[in-house]
Structures are given as C-alpha cells and as structure tokens.
Protein backbone atom coordinates (compact mmCIF):
# COMPACT_ATOMS: atom_id res chain seq x y z
CA MET A 1 -120.24 -247.45 112.12
CA VAL A 2 -118.52 -246.50 108.86
CA PHE A 3 -115.13 -247.53 110.21
CA VAL A 4 -116.57 -250.75 111.69
CA GLY A 5 -117.85 -251.63 108.24
CA PHE A 6 -114.44 -250.84 106.73
CA TYR A 7 -112.78 -253.05 109.36
CA ARG A 8 -115.01 -256.01 108.53
CA LEU A 9 -114.29 -255.64 104.81
CA CYS A 10 -110.62 -254.90 105.26
CA PRO A 11 -109.10 -255.68 108.68
CA LYS A 12 -105.92 -253.80 107.79
CA VAL A 13 -107.80 -250.48 107.80
CA CYS A 14 -106.67 -249.97 111.40
CA ASP A 15 -103.16 -249.30 110.12
CA ALA A 16 -104.50 -246.32 108.17
CA LEU A 17 -106.57 -245.04 111.10
CA ALA A 18 -103.48 -244.82 113.25
CA ILE A 19 -102.50 -241.54 111.54
CA VAL A 20 -105.94 -239.86 112.02
CA LYS A 21 -107.03 -238.48 115.40
CA PRO A 22 -110.66 -238.69 116.56
CA SER A 23 -110.82 -234.86 116.77
CA THR A 24 -109.94 -234.75 113.06
CA ILE A 25 -112.88 -237.00 112.25
CA VAL A 26 -115.23 -234.78 114.29
CA ARG A 27 -113.89 -231.63 112.56
CA TRP A 28 -114.42 -233.20 109.14
CA HIS A 29 -117.97 -234.11 110.09
CA ARG A 30 -118.81 -230.59 111.28
CA ALA A 31 -117.30 -229.04 108.16
CA GLY A 32 -119.36 -231.37 106.01
CA PHE A 33 -122.48 -230.51 108.01
CA ARG A 34 -121.94 -226.78 107.44
CA SER A 35 -121.26 -227.27 103.73
CA TYR A 36 -124.37 -229.40 103.36
CA TRP A 37 -126.71 -226.83 104.91
CA ARG A 38 -125.01 -223.98 103.09
CA TRP A 39 -125.81 -225.79 99.86
CA LYS A 40 -129.30 -226.63 101.08
CA SER A 41 -130.06 -223.01 102.06
CA ARG A 42 -128.65 -221.33 98.97
CA ARG A 43 -130.83 -218.62 97.41
CA HIS A 44 -132.37 -219.73 94.16
CA VAL A 45 -133.89 -216.32 93.32
CA GLY A 46 -132.42 -212.95 94.34
CA ARG A 47 -132.73 -209.27 93.56
CA PRO A 48 -132.08 -208.21 89.97
CA ILE A 49 -128.57 -206.98 89.40
CA VAL A 50 -128.22 -203.19 89.20
CA ALA A 51 -126.60 -202.24 85.91
CA PRO A 52 -123.08 -200.76 86.14
CA GLU A 53 -124.18 -197.49 84.49
CA ILE A 54 -126.94 -197.04 87.08
CA ARG A 55 -124.50 -197.73 89.92
CA LYS A 56 -122.14 -195.17 88.44
CA LEU A 57 -124.98 -192.63 88.17
CA ILE A 58 -125.97 -193.18 91.81
CA ARG A 59 -122.39 -192.62 92.93
CA GLU A 60 -122.05 -189.49 90.78
CA MET A 61 -125.31 -188.09 92.20
CA SER A 62 -124.21 -188.71 95.78
CA ILE A 63 -120.82 -187.07 95.15
CA ALA A 64 -122.22 -184.07 93.26
CA ASN A 65 -124.95 -183.52 95.88
CA PRO A 66 -123.38 -184.10 99.31
CA LEU A 67 -126.53 -182.79 101.02
CA TRP A 68 -128.71 -185.50 99.48
CA GLY A 69 -129.54 -188.81 101.07
CA ALA A 70 -130.86 -192.05 99.61
CA LEU A 71 -134.45 -190.73 99.69
CA ARG A 72 -133.65 -187.73 97.49
CA ILE A 73 -131.49 -189.66 95.03
CA HIS A 74 -134.13 -192.38 94.75
CA GLY A 75 -136.74 -189.74 93.98
CA GLU A 76 -134.57 -188.30 91.20
CA LEU A 77 -134.01 -191.75 89.71
CA LEU A 78 -137.75 -192.41 89.67
CA LYS A 79 -138.25 -189.15 87.74
CA LEU A 80 -135.66 -190.37 85.23
CA GLY A 81 -137.59 -193.60 84.71
CA ILE A 82 -134.99 -195.76 86.48
CA ASP A 83 -136.73 -198.41 88.58
CA VAL A 84 -134.33 -199.31 91.35
CA GLY A 85 -134.90 -199.99 95.03
CA GLN A 86 -134.15 -197.39 97.68
CA THR A 87 -131.97 -199.85 99.60
CA SER A 88 -129.93 -200.41 96.44
CA VAL A 89 -129.47 -196.65 96.13
CA ALA A 90 -128.17 -196.50 99.70
CA LYS A 91 -125.86 -199.42 98.98
CA TYR A 92 -124.16 -197.82 95.97
CA MET A 93 -123.92 -194.26 97.29
CA ALA A 94 -120.47 -192.84 97.95
CA ARG A 95 -119.58 -193.28 101.62
CA ARG A 96 -118.91 -190.14 103.63
CA ARG A 97 -117.74 -189.74 107.21
CA GLY A 98 -119.54 -187.77 109.80
CA SER A 99 -122.72 -187.30 110.20
CA PRO A 100 -140.02 -184.89 113.76
CA SER A 101 -142.31 -183.78 115.36
CA GLN A 102 -145.81 -183.62 113.87
CA GLY A 103 -148.32 -181.18 115.29
CA TRP A 104 -152.00 -180.66 114.57
CA LYS A 105 -151.86 -183.74 112.35
CA THR A 106 -155.59 -184.22 111.82
CA PHE A 107 -156.21 -180.51 111.39
CA LEU A 108 -153.45 -180.09 108.82
CA HIS A 109 -154.49 -183.11 106.76
CA ASN A 110 -158.12 -181.98 106.62
CA HIS A 111 -157.40 -178.34 105.81
CA ALA A 112 -153.97 -178.41 104.18
CA ASP A 113 -155.05 -176.79 100.91
CA GLY A 114 -156.44 -173.76 102.74
CA ILE A 115 -153.56 -173.26 105.18
CA ALA A 116 -150.52 -171.03 104.76
CA ALA A 117 -147.69 -170.44 107.20
CA ILE A 118 -145.47 -167.42 107.70
CA ASP A 119 -142.20 -167.02 109.55
CA LEU A 120 -139.12 -164.78 109.75
CA PHE A 121 -135.50 -165.90 109.73
CA VAL A 122 -132.23 -164.00 110.12
CA VAL A 123 -129.39 -164.01 107.57
CA PRO A 124 -126.00 -162.36 108.31
CA THR A 125 -124.21 -160.57 105.46
CA ILE A 126 -120.51 -160.39 104.66
CA SER A 127 -120.29 -157.13 106.64
CA PHE A 128 -122.01 -158.77 109.68
CA ARG A 129 -125.22 -156.85 109.00
CA LEU A 130 -128.43 -158.72 109.79
CA LEU A 131 -131.11 -159.14 107.16
CA TYR A 132 -134.55 -160.63 107.74
CA GLY A 133 -136.10 -163.08 105.34
CA LEU A 134 -139.87 -163.57 105.29
CA LEU A 135 -141.13 -166.99 104.23
CA ILE A 136 -144.73 -167.66 103.20
CA MET A 137 -145.54 -171.27 102.30
CA GLY A 138 -148.65 -173.24 101.42
CA HIS A 139 -149.39 -176.46 103.28
CA GLY A 140 -151.19 -178.12 100.35
CA ARG A 141 -148.07 -179.24 98.46
CA ARG A 142 -145.38 -177.62 100.62
CA GLN A 143 -144.83 -174.94 97.98
CA ILE A 144 -143.05 -171.66 98.68
CA LEU A 145 -145.43 -168.80 97.93
CA TRP A 146 -143.23 -165.83 98.67
CA PHE A 147 -139.82 -164.67 99.88
CA GLY A 148 -139.33 -161.16 101.25
CA VAL A 149 -136.09 -159.52 102.37
CA THR A 150 -135.66 -156.44 104.53
CA ALA A 151 -133.41 -154.98 107.17
CA HIS A 152 -136.33 -153.65 109.24
CA PRO A 153 -139.39 -155.94 109.34
CA THR A 154 -142.30 -153.72 110.33
CA ALA A 155 -145.96 -154.71 110.59
CA GLU A 156 -146.81 -152.56 107.57
CA TRP A 157 -144.08 -154.18 105.47
CA ILE A 158 -145.23 -157.70 106.43
CA ALA A 159 -148.83 -156.76 105.61
CA ASN A 160 -147.75 -155.66 102.12
CA GLN A 161 -145.83 -158.92 101.66
CA ILE A 162 -148.84 -161.07 102.50
CA THR A 163 -150.92 -159.07 100.01
CA GLU A 164 -148.36 -159.53 97.22
CA ALA A 165 -147.94 -163.22 97.98
CA CYS A 166 -151.59 -164.27 98.22
CA GLY A 167 -153.55 -161.51 96.51
CA TRP A 168 -157.11 -160.46 97.28
CA GLU A 169 -158.89 -163.00 95.07
CA GLN A 170 -157.80 -166.40 96.48
CA PRO A 171 -156.17 -165.90 99.87
CA PRO A 172 -155.68 -168.89 102.21
CA ARG A 173 -158.35 -169.52 104.79
CA TYR A 174 -155.93 -169.87 107.71
CA LEU A 175 -152.51 -168.37 108.39
CA ILE A 176 -150.24 -169.94 111.01
CA ARG A 177 -147.62 -167.70 112.61
CA ASP A 178 -145.71 -167.28 115.84
CA ARG A 179 -146.13 -164.44 118.33
CA ASP A 180 -143.26 -162.28 117.10
CA GLY A 181 -143.71 -158.60 117.91
CA ALA A 182 -143.20 -157.73 114.24
CA TYR A 183 -146.75 -158.92 113.50
CA GLY A 184 -148.42 -155.75 114.73
CA GLU A 185 -151.93 -154.39 114.55
CA VAL A 186 -151.55 -153.26 110.93
CA PHE A 187 -150.76 -156.82 109.91
CA ILE A 188 -153.69 -158.28 111.85
CA ARG A 189 -156.13 -155.77 110.30
CA ARG A 190 -154.84 -156.66 106.83
CA LEU A 191 -155.55 -160.35 107.46
CA ARG A 192 -159.08 -159.56 108.56
CA SER A 193 -159.74 -157.41 105.51
CA MET A 194 -158.51 -160.22 103.24
CA GLY A 195 -160.72 -162.77 104.97
CA ILE A 196 -157.81 -164.75 106.41
CA ARG A 197 -158.28 -166.27 109.86
CA ASP A 198 -155.25 -165.57 112.02
CA ARG A 199 -153.90 -168.59 113.94
CA PRO A 200 -150.98 -167.58 116.19
CA THR A 201 -149.17 -170.45 117.91
CA SER A 202 -148.77 -170.83 121.65
CA PRO A 203 -145.80 -169.11 123.31
CA ARG A 204 -142.49 -170.96 122.90
CA SER A 205 -144.14 -173.67 120.76
CA PRO A 206 -142.35 -173.72 117.39
CA TRP A 207 -143.59 -177.28 116.80
CA GLN A 208 -147.07 -175.81 116.16
CA ASN A 209 -145.66 -174.20 113.00
CA ALA A 210 -143.60 -177.26 112.19
CA TYR A 211 -143.76 -177.12 108.38
CA ALA A 212 -142.47 -173.56 108.16
CA GLU A 213 -139.74 -174.29 110.73
CA ARG A 214 -138.74 -177.41 108.81
CA LEU A 215 -138.62 -175.50 105.54
CA ILE A 216 -136.45 -172.77 107.03
CA GLY A 217 -134.09 -175.48 108.27
CA SER A 218 -133.93 -176.91 104.74
CA ILE A 219 -133.21 -173.46 103.31
CA ARG A 220 -130.31 -173.05 105.71
CA ARG A 221 -128.86 -176.54 105.27
CA GLU A 222 -129.28 -176.67 101.51
CA CYS A 223 -128.55 -173.06 100.56
CA LEU A 224 -127.74 -170.28 103.03
CA ASP A 225 -125.14 -172.23 105.05
CA HIS A 226 -123.08 -172.53 101.85
CA VAL A 227 -123.43 -168.96 100.57
CA VAL A 228 -121.89 -165.65 101.75
CA VAL A 229 -124.57 -162.97 101.32
CA PHE A 230 -123.40 -159.52 100.16
CA GLY A 231 -126.63 -157.57 100.62
CA GLU A 232 -130.39 -157.43 100.18
CA ARG A 233 -130.26 -157.71 96.40
CA HIS A 234 -127.96 -160.72 96.53
CA LEU A 235 -130.13 -162.45 99.15
CA ARG A 236 -133.25 -161.89 97.04
CA GLN A 237 -131.53 -163.49 94.04
CA VAL A 238 -130.38 -166.49 96.08
CA LEU A 239 -133.80 -167.05 97.65
CA ALA A 240 -135.54 -166.65 94.29
CA SER A 241 -133.28 -169.32 92.80
CA TYR A 242 -133.91 -171.64 95.72
CA MET A 243 -137.68 -171.08 95.48
CA LYS A 244 -137.62 -172.06 91.82
CA TYR A 245 -135.57 -175.16 92.64
CA HIS A 246 -137.74 -176.11 95.62
CA ASN A 247 -141.08 -175.73 93.83
CA ASN A 248 -140.19 -177.18 90.43
CA VAL A 249 -137.31 -179.63 90.93
CA ARG A 250 -136.79 -180.85 94.49
CA THR A 251 -138.52 -184.13 95.35
CA HIS A 252 -140.31 -184.46 98.71
CA LEU A 253 -140.96 -187.55 100.75
CA SER A 254 -144.37 -186.21 101.89
CA LEU A 255 -145.42 -185.84 98.23
CA GLU A 256 -144.50 -189.43 97.33
CA LYS A 257 -141.14 -188.16 96.04
CA ASP A 258 -142.64 -185.61 93.68
CA ALA A 259 -142.04 -181.87 93.49
CA PRO A 260 -144.65 -179.30 94.64
CA ALA A 261 -145.17 -178.48 90.96
CA ALA A 262 -145.60 -182.06 89.78
CA ARG A 263 -142.79 -183.38 87.56
CA ALA A 264 -143.49 -185.80 84.76
CA VAL A 265 -141.56 -189.08 84.61
CA ASN A 266 -139.25 -189.22 81.57
CA ARG A 267 -138.02 -192.63 80.45
CA VAL A 268 -136.55 -191.87 77.03
CA GLY A 269 -133.49 -189.84 76.16
CA ARG A 270 -130.01 -189.12 77.36
CA ILE A 271 -129.60 -188.00 80.97
CA LEU A 272 -128.36 -184.42 81.31
CA CYS A 273 -127.17 -182.80 84.54
CA ARG A 274 -127.98 -179.10 85.02
CA PRO A 275 -126.35 -177.25 87.94
CA ILE A 276 -128.52 -175.13 90.25
CA LEU A 277 -127.28 -172.43 92.63
CA GLY A 278 -123.78 -172.57 91.19
CA GLY A 279 -123.58 -176.36 91.40
CA LEU A 280 -124.79 -176.68 95.00
CA HIS A 281 -127.62 -178.84 93.63
CA HIS A 282 -128.31 -180.42 90.27
CA HIS A 283 -131.37 -181.09 88.13
CA TYR A 284 -131.35 -184.35 86.15
CA VAL A 285 -133.43 -184.42 82.97
CA ARG A 286 -133.66 -186.49 79.80
CA ILE A 287 -133.19 -184.89 76.40
C-alpha cells in the first residue's frame, strides 16, 4: 500500500523499485518489527549497580577462600554491613573449574536446645598412624561443645570426655550416637548418672545422626583434608582452632547466616582480613 501510494504521487518510482527485491522489503520489515518491540520492552527500572569496590571484595573473598560458595560469602558481606543480593555475589565470584537428608525433623526442631550428638572420626598422621577424634556438638545453634583426641578410644575415656564437655550441672537431655562398640557399659552408666537419656541410632543409619555427620564432613572438607597431622598434640591444636572459627566466625545457612555465637553486624570502619588456620579461611572485620 505504501508503494502504491508512492506510485500515484510519483509514477517514476517504479524505476527505483527495480533495484530492490521483495525479499529485501520483507527483511527490512522484520528487522523494524524486532527493533520496535525491543524498544517497547526495554527495562525502565533494574537492579542497583554493584559498586566496583564491592565487586572487587567479592572476587578477593572467593579467591582467598576456595572452599566458600555464594552462601558463605553473602553471609560474610551481611556481617560487614554490605547489602548486596546473593545472586549478585554468585555473579561476581571468581570462576573455578571442577566441581540432604533431614531426619527426625519435627523431633529435632522441638527439642533442639536439649539435644547433643556425639561421633568418632579417624584422622591419619604423617607416619600413617591412626588417631581418633571425638566430636560433641549441640543441636541448638550447631555449636561444637568438645573435641577429644586419642589413639585408643575406650568407653572410660569417652565417658570422661562427655563429663568434661557438658559438666554435671547443665547436661543435655538427649544424646544421639551410633552403635559403635567403643560406647561400652561404662559410658552408658555415666550418661544415666548425669541424667542424660541415651538415644542410639538404628544399625547402618547414619542419617539419624545427620547433624554430627554433616559437621564431620565440614571439618574434613574445610580443615583436615588440607592439613598433614604430625601427632595427637598437633591434631588437638588444629581442632581447637577450627572449633573457635566454627563457633565464633563461620556463618551458617540454618542460623540465617549467623555464627553459633551470634556476630554483630558492623557497618562502619575499614574492612580488615584476618587469616585463620594459616590462611585456609579468613575472618573479615571492620576496624
């Protein structure tokens, strides 16, 4: 219709149309259609731009802490008073190649403050000797209550560890454990004398002690897999440092990205990076 109108106004327009193919006209029309709707659908309001210094900090955090994901870095930024979205954190992290089961949910939520869990894990030394670590954790805020190290975990030794960890005044009401033979009669009698109700899991059911198993996995991935242990004394020092980091610094998704010992949000001051465990992890604070 446009060209018919041109022809009526100027009959010589056909001479110009001789150099244009019909497919060219159709292509122009489709390109104009796309441009029109691209302009029509443009975003008038978008996300706020992340400041360059914050993007640089996110990248530095992801490089300095290769074991951290976007959840952990976002939690640290919230504690530094930096309000940025978790998806933005994932977007600006340094790219690296390569790479739950909930049990007794209602029971744990209703009685978490009165529940503790205990479990043993094996750590090889530099001389290929096997050491046993004993973990005691509280379910209330996922805090580590005690670490014990020995080469021969007997029932009497474990009983003494539970006494030192919990004390006689405010012991947990329930203690979840597996059916390892190391928890002998001496250990069970100690629990009864302390007023703790023993709750052994079913055979071959580690998911029933999921929080302790998950914490042991974190200890391995975030600490022991990157350290060569020389002996019992060295392992105690390493586990003590990790316990301090885990309870006071490390943010947890289940705690709304807070630490077991609640951390205050600091919004004023210069950001300072403090290495933990020889630089395996870092603690970011404002001074």
